[in-house]
Amino acid sequence: MKSLPKPLIGLAAAGGATLIAANRIAAAPPDPGVAARAEAAQYSGPWRHGYARANGVRLHYAELGSGPLVILLHGFPECWYEWRHIIPHLAGHFHVVAPDMRGYNWSDKPKGVDSYSAGNVSADIAVLLDHFGEARTHLVGHDWGGAIAWHFGMYHADRLNRLAVINAPHPAAFARELKTPGQLSRSLYILYFQLPLLPEASVRLLLRRTLTESARVPGAFSEDALDVYQSAISQPGAATATLNYYRATFRTGPAFFEKNRRTITNPTLLLWGMQDFALSPQLTEGLEPWVPDLRVERIQESGHWLPEEKPRLTSNLLLDFLST
């Protein structure tokens, strides 16, 4: 039996060594100093913290205010804390609840890619309404939270009042724009996220730099916020869990886009930071066949992280829309 060529042996050894190193980074315990500062930051505001058992998963949430329910869904790689500027503004008129979605921060992190399908996460939100004794809610989502919000609007419309989505593409528009070189090139990172271990290591190593450098408003991410997000992604199983949102959707393939074309009839607001590094401005166009009652606000001076880059403007636009 012939032995493998030396170049192949060397390549395999290098690949194995890379995966071992990536696993060590991905599995490293959280930095105690960062974790302590993150916990202090999350308890520093006027909000209250609680937990709910939803769809078999224990979800952490922060809440403030009274009145009609508003649920705020965060994006990747953040957590409920991305809404820290928005919560107090809305809480004067609403009961505001900002959960950590499954896999994030202080919420449970179930095993398996399929646990993070849009259907499972959307079902979490439906059960969360039951926890608060509410039949319906206003729903606001950014990034992956926006993707879940679109799904909720399609499949749980009877439990939805008004829908607001921030820099998250409607599935039909995303499928359309992926056929263009511009959006396809912006989305190549999703292919990288399908690899084992390397994305987990990258997220943990580069989170702070990626957030600060991709924001178009200098200082959008405070050191407290970076500590919170670094601590959240460093918790056992968190990096894999949060990346599994991408993996679950990718494994569904074209069927995901075909299934998620139901018309959303609820009043809908789309807020879009036009300097988004990952999502084309064309994703805000041509949505009327799927969302007929739609208002679009395009923010020229912001990038992807609108709730943190332009918190006061975001708060005012949401308050105006949700109070109508």
Protein backbone atom coordinates (compact mmCIF):
# COMPACT_ATOMS: atom_id res chain seq x y z
CA MET A 1 0.00 0.00 0.00
CA LYS A 2 1.44 3.34 -1.08
CA SER A 3 1.83 6.09 1.46
CA LEU A 4 0.29 9.50 0.96
CA PRO A 5 2.43 12.12 -0.78
CA LYS A 6 4.36 14.26 1.67
CA PRO A 7 2.58 17.50 0.60
CA LEU A 8 -0.79 15.94 1.45
CA ILE A 9 0.52 14.70 4.78
CA GLY A 10 1.80 18.18 5.56
CA LEU A 11 -1.48 19.77 4.54
CA ALA A 12 -3.47 17.37 6.71
CA ALA A 13 -1.17 18.00 9.66
CA ALA A 14 -1.47 21.77 9.24
CA GLY A 15 -5.26 21.50 8.99
CA GLY A 16 -5.42 19.35 12.09
CA ALA A 17 -3.20 21.75 14.03
CA THR A 18 -5.38 24.68 12.95
CA LEU A 19 -8.55 22.95 14.14
CA ILE A 20 -6.93 22.05 17.46
CA ALA A 21 -5.89 25.68 17.98
CA ALA A 22 -9.36 26.91 16.95
CA ASN A 23 -10.99 24.51 19.39
CA ARG A 24 -8.83 25.80 22.23
CA ILE A 25 -9.85 29.37 21.47
CA ALA A 26 -13.52 28.48 21.03
CA ALA A 27 -13.62 26.48 24.27
CA ALA A 28 -11.54 28.87 26.39
CA PRO A 29 -13.33 30.05 29.56
CA PRO A 30 -14.57 33.66 29.69
CA ASP A 31 -12.15 36.28 30.93
CA PRO A 32 -13.15 36.89 34.60
CA GLY A 33 -12.51 40.62 34.41
CA VAL A 34 -14.59 41.05 31.27
CA ALA A 35 -17.36 38.89 32.75
CA ALA A 36 -17.48 40.96 35.94
CA ARG A 37 -17.66 44.24 34.04
CA ALA A 38 -20.31 42.81 31.71
CA GLU A 39 -22.51 41.72 34.60
CA ALA A 40 -22.18 45.12 36.27
CA ALA A 41 -23.15 46.89 33.04
CA GLN A 42 -26.23 44.72 32.54
CA TYR A 43 -27.47 45.49 36.04
CA SER A 44 -26.71 49.22 35.82
CA GLY A 45 -29.93 50.41 34.20
CA PRO A 46 -33.53 50.95 35.35
CA TRP A 47 -34.73 47.65 33.87
CA ARG A 48 -35.64 44.48 35.75
CA HIS A 49 -34.29 41.04 34.90
CA GLY A 50 -36.32 37.85 34.72
CA TYR A 51 -36.53 34.39 33.18
CA ALA A 52 -39.27 32.59 31.27
CA ARG A 53 -39.65 28.97 30.22
CA ALA A 54 -40.54 29.22 26.53
CA ASN A 55 -40.80 26.31 24.10
CA GLY A 56 -38.64 24.14 26.35
CA VAL A 57 -35.91 26.77 26.68
CA ARG A 58 -35.17 29.06 29.61
CA LEU A 59 -34.96 32.62 28.27
CA HIS A 60 -33.50 35.58 30.08
CA TYR A 61 -35.07 38.99 29.53
CA ALA A 62 -34.87 42.58 30.70
CA GLU A 63 -38.11 44.54 31.07
CA LEU A 64 -39.30 48.03 31.91
CA GLY A 65 -42.52 50.01 31.81
CA SER A 66 -46.22 49.19 31.58
CA GLY A 67 -48.87 49.25 28.92
CA PRO A 68 -49.10 47.40 25.58
CA LEU A 69 -46.36 44.79 25.17
CA VAL A 70 -43.36 45.51 22.94
CA ILE A 71 -40.75 42.77 22.43
CA LEU A 72 -37.29 43.76 21.16
CA LEU A 73 -35.21 41.08 19.44
CA HIS A 74 -31.45 41.62 19.17
CA GLY A 75 -29.03 40.60 16.45
CA PHE A 76 -25.72 38.75 16.08
CA PRO A 77 -23.30 38.91 17.85
CA GLU A 78 -25.03 41.07 20.44
CA CYS A 79 -27.68 40.29 23.07
CA TRP A 80 -30.56 42.09 24.81
CA TYR A 81 -28.12 44.87 25.83
CA GLU A 82 -28.13 46.35 22.33
CA TRP A 83 -31.49 47.90 23.27
CA ARG A 84 -30.17 49.68 26.40
CA HIS A 85 -30.69 53.12 24.83
CA ILE A 86 -34.09 52.26 23.35
CA ILE A 87 -35.75 50.60 26.36
CA PRO A 88 -36.11 53.72 28.56
CA HIS A 89 -37.58 55.79 25.70
CA LEU A 90 -40.24 53.22 24.86
CA ALA A 91 -40.99 52.28 28.47
CA GLY A 92 -42.83 55.53 29.12
CA HIS A 93 -45.61 54.23 26.88
CA PHE A 94 -45.18 50.44 26.70
CA HIS A 95 -44.26 47.32 28.64
CA VAL A 96 -40.89 46.70 26.97
CA VAL A 97 -39.32 43.23 27.06
CA ALA A 98 -35.89 42.55 25.55
CA PRO A 99 -35.02 38.84 25.69
CA ASP A 100 -31.74 37.11 25.04
CA MET A 101 -32.76 34.82 22.19
CA ARG A 102 -31.93 31.14 22.61
CA GLY A 103 -28.20 30.53 22.40
CA TYR A 104 -27.26 34.02 23.57
CA ASN A 105 -25.87 35.43 26.79
CA TRP A 106 -27.94 34.31 29.82
CA SER A 107 -30.49 32.21 27.91
CA ASP A 108 -30.25 28.44 27.39
CA LYS A 109 -28.12 27.08 24.57
CA PRO A 110 -29.73 23.87 23.30
CA LYS A 111 -27.56 21.47 21.32
CA GLY A 112 -27.86 20.89 17.61
CA VAL A 113 -28.11 23.07 14.54
CA ASP A 114 -31.83 22.39 14.07
CA SER A 115 -32.55 23.96 17.46
CA TYR A 116 -31.85 27.34 15.87
CA SER A 117 -34.25 27.21 12.93
CA ALA A 118 -36.37 30.31 12.41
CA GLY A 119 -39.43 28.25 13.28
CA ASN A 120 -38.08 27.21 16.67
CA VAL A 121 -36.91 30.69 17.63
CA SER A 122 -40.15 32.28 16.41
CA ALA A 123 -42.08 29.77 18.53
CA ASP A 124 -40.06 30.93 21.57
CA ILE A 125 -41.45 34.41 21.09
CA ALA A 126 -45.01 33.16 20.79
CA VAL A 127 -44.69 31.28 24.09
CA LEU A 128 -43.04 34.33 25.68
CA LEU A 129 -46.32 36.18 25.14
CA ASP A 130 -48.06 33.53 27.21
CA HIS A 131 -45.54 34.07 30.01
CA PHE A 132 -46.64 37.70 30.21
CA GLY A 133 -50.31 36.85 29.83
CA GLU A 134 -50.61 38.71 26.54
CA ALA A 135 -52.49 37.67 23.41
CA ARG A 136 -50.61 40.05 21.10
CA THR A 137 -47.45 42.13 20.97
CA HIS A 138 -45.67 44.79 18.97
CA LEU A 139 -42.45 43.21 17.71
CA VAL A 140 -39.16 44.93 16.86
CA GLY A 141 -36.16 43.03 15.54
CA HIS A 142 -32.66 43.92 14.36
CA ASP A 143 -30.36 41.71 12.26
CA TRP A 144 -31.12 38.08 13.25
CA GLY A 145 -33.83 39.41 15.53
CA GLY A 146 -35.27 41.05 12.42
CA ALA A 147 -35.15 37.75 10.54
CA ILE A 148 -37.13 36.15 13.36
CA ALA A 149 -39.52 39.11 13.34
CA TRP A 150 -40.23 38.60 9.62
CA HIS A 151 -40.91 34.92 10.31
CA PHE A 152 -43.17 35.77 13.26
CA GLY A 153 -45.16 38.15 11.07
CA MET A 154 -45.72 35.37 8.54
CA TYR A 155 -46.55 32.51 10.90
CA HIS A 156 -47.92 34.17 14.06
CA ALA A 157 -49.82 37.12 12.61
CA ASP A 158 -52.73 36.50 14.98
CA ARG A 159 -50.41 37.37 17.89
CA LEU A 160 -48.89 40.46 16.32
CA ASN A 161 -49.97 44.09 16.40
CA ARG A 162 -47.29 46.11 14.63
CA LEU A 163 -43.98 44.90 13.21
CA ALA A 164 -40.72 46.86 12.98
CA VAL A 165 -37.57 45.45 11.37
CA ILE A 166 -34.12 47.04 11.41
CA ASN A 167 -31.43 46.09 8.87
CA ALA A 168 -32.70 42.58 8.29
CA PRO A 169 -33.73 41.52 4.79
CA HIS A 170 -37.11 40.08 3.94
CA PRO A 171 -36.41 36.47 2.79
CA ALA A 172 -37.91 37.03 -0.67
CA ALA A 173 -35.85 40.18 -1.23
CA PHE A 174 -32.72 38.46 0.04
CA ALA A 175 -33.23 35.55 -2.39
CA ARG A 176 -33.64 38.08 -5.20
CA GLU A 177 -30.54 40.10 -4.31
CA LEU A 178 -28.33 37.04 -3.77
CA LYS A 179 -28.47 36.64 -7.54
CA THR A 180 -26.55 39.92 -7.91
CA PRO A 181 -22.75 40.12 -7.55
CA GLY A 182 -23.01 42.94 -5.03
CA GLN A 183 -25.06 41.13 -2.39
CA LEU A 184 -23.48 37.76 -3.14
CA SER A 185 -20.01 39.12 -2.38
CA ARG A 186 -21.28 40.72 0.84
CA SER A 187 -22.74 37.36 1.94
CA LEU A 188 -19.70 35.13 1.46
CA TYR A 189 -19.03 35.19 5.20
CA ILE A 190 -22.10 32.96 5.58
CA LEU A 191 -20.23 30.22 3.72
CA TYR A 192 -17.30 30.62 6.11
CA PHE A 193 -19.68 30.27 9.05
CA GLN A 194 -20.55 26.74 7.86
CA LEU A 195 -17.05 25.49 8.73
CA PRO A 196 -16.39 23.74 12.06
CA LEU A 197 -14.61 25.56 14.91
CA LEU A 198 -12.84 28.22 12.85
CA PRO A 199 -15.81 30.63 12.88
CA GLU A 200 -16.22 30.13 16.65
CA ALA A 201 -12.57 31.06 17.18
CA SER A 202 -12.82 34.02 14.81
CA VAL A 203 -15.90 35.42 16.51
CA ARG A 204 -14.29 35.25 19.93
CA LEU A 205 -11.01 36.76 18.76
CA LEU A 206 -12.37 39.49 16.48
CA LEU A 207 -15.70 40.52 17.99
CA ARG A 208 -14.56 43.82 19.49
CA ARG A 209 -12.61 44.86 16.42
CA THR A 210 -15.35 43.85 13.99
CA LEU A 211 -18.05 45.81 15.82
CA THR A 212 -16.03 48.99 16.24
CA GLU A 213 -14.62 49.00 12.70
CA SER A 214 -17.93 48.21 10.97
CA ALA A 215 -19.87 50.97 12.74
CA ARG A 216 -20.18 54.15 10.68
CA VAL A 217 -20.69 56.34 13.76
CA PRO A 218 -17.51 56.63 15.86
CA GLY A 219 -17.96 55.55 19.46
CA ALA A 220 -21.23 53.71 18.78
CA PHE A 221 -19.99 50.78 20.87
CA SER A 222 -18.95 51.75 24.39
CA GLU A 223 -16.41 49.69 26.31
CA ASP A 224 -19.26 48.47 28.51
CA ALA A 225 -21.15 47.22 25.45
CA LEU A 226 -18.08 45.50 24.05
CA ASP A 227 -17.49 43.82 27.41
CA VAL A 228 -21.11 42.58 27.46
CA TYR A 229 -20.94 41.15 23.95
CA GLN A 230 -17.49 39.63 24.51
CA SER A 231 -18.64 38.01 27.72
CA ALA A 232 -21.85 36.75 26.11
CA ILE A 233 -20.12 35.08 23.15
CA SER A 234 -17.49 33.57 25.48
CA GLN A 235 -19.92 31.61 27.61
CA PRO A 236 -19.80 27.82 27.19
CA GLY A 237 -21.49 26.83 23.96
CA ALA A 238 -22.48 30.38 23.03
CA ALA A 239 -20.26 30.87 19.98
CA THR A 240 -21.51 27.65 18.39
CA ALA A 241 -25.13 28.35 19.35
CA THR A 242 -25.18 31.83 17.83
CA LEU A 243 -23.48 30.65 14.62
CA ASN A 244 -26.02 27.85 14.37
CA TYR A 245 -28.63 30.41 13.31
CA TYR A 246 -26.68 30.78 10.06
CA ARG A 247 -26.07 27.04 9.77
CA ALA A 248 -29.71 26.11 10.29
CA THR A 249 -30.85 28.48 7.55
CA PHE A 250 -28.06 27.46 5.17
CA ARG A 251 -28.93 23.78 5.54
CA THR A 252 -32.54 24.49 4.65
CA GLY A 253 -31.30 25.84 1.32
CA PRO A 254 -33.63 27.37 -1.27
CA ALA A 255 -36.62 25.88 0.56
CA PHE A 256 -36.17 28.49 3.28
CA PHE A 257 -36.81 31.31 0.82
CA GLU A 258 -39.68 29.51 -0.89
CA LYS A 259 -41.47 28.81 2.40
CA ASN A 260 -41.11 32.33 3.75
CA ARG A 261 -43.03 34.33 1.17
CA ARG A 262 -46.32 34.64 3.06
CA THR A 263 -47.89 38.07 2.89
CA ILE A 264 -47.59 40.11 6.09
CA THR A 265 -50.70 42.28 6.45
CA ASN A 266 -49.82 43.88 9.80
CA PRO A 267 -48.58 47.48 9.69
CA THR A 268 -44.81 47.23 9.21
CA LEU A 269 -41.91 49.64 9.57
CA LEU A 270 -38.52 48.94 7.98
CA LEU A 271 -35.60 50.99 9.32
CA TRP A 272 -32.38 50.75 7.35
CA GLY A 273 -28.89 52.13 8.00
CA MET A 274 -27.83 52.72 4.41
CA GLN A 275 -24.10 52.27 5.04
CA ASP A 276 -24.57 48.63 6.04
CA PHE A 277 -21.40 46.67 5.27
CA ALA A 278 -23.20 43.34 4.81
CA LEU A 279 -26.59 44.18 3.30
CA SER A 280 -27.32 46.03 0.07
CA PRO A 281 -29.64 49.07 0.07
CA GLN A 282 -31.58 47.34 -2.72
CA LEU A 283 -32.97 45.00 -0.07
CA THR A 284 -35.28 47.84 0.99
CA GLU A 285 -36.94 48.00 -2.42
CA GLY A 286 -39.77 46.09 -4.05
CA LEU A 287 -41.23 44.62 -0.84
CA GLU A 288 -44.86 45.62 -1.42
CA PRO A 289 -46.00 42.24 -2.86
CA TRP A 290 -45.10 40.58 0.45
CA VAL A 291 -45.63 43.51 2.87
CA PRO A 292 -48.36 45.77 1.45
CA ASP A 293 -48.76 47.96 4.56
CA LEU A 294 -45.10 49.02 4.67
CA ARG A 295 -43.27 52.21 5.61
CA VAL A 296 -39.53 52.40 4.89
CA GLU A 297 -37.15 54.84 6.60
CA ARG A 298 -33.65 54.94 5.10
CA ILE A 299 -31.02 56.44 7.42
CA GLN A 300 -28.12 57.69 5.33
CA GLU A 301 -25.75 58.45 8.22
CA SER A 302 -25.81 55.00 9.83
CA GLY A 303 -24.45 51.56 9.17
CA HIS A 304 -25.74 48.14 10.19
CA TRP A 305 -25.94 48.82 13.95
CA LEU A 306 -28.71 51.43 13.88
CA PRO A 307 -29.96 50.97 17.50
CA GLU A 308 -26.44 51.75 18.73
CA GLU A 309 -25.27 54.15 16.03
CA LYS A 310 -28.43 56.31 16.07
CA PRO A 311 -30.28 55.38 19.29
CA ARG A 312 -32.31 58.57 19.71
CA LEU A 313 -33.47 58.61 16.08
CA THR A 314 -34.29 54.90 16.29
CA SER A 315 -36.27 55.46 19.49
CA ASN A 316 -38.23 58.35 18.02
CA LEU A 317 -39.10 56.49 14.83
CA LEU A 318 -40.20 53.40 16.76
CA LEU A 319 -42.23 55.42 19.26
CA ASP A 320 -43.99 57.30 16.47
CA PHE A 321 -44.81 54.08 14.60
CA LEU A 322 -45.85 51.95 17.57
CA SER A 323 -48.02 54.73 19.05
CA THR A 324 -50.05 55.22 15.87
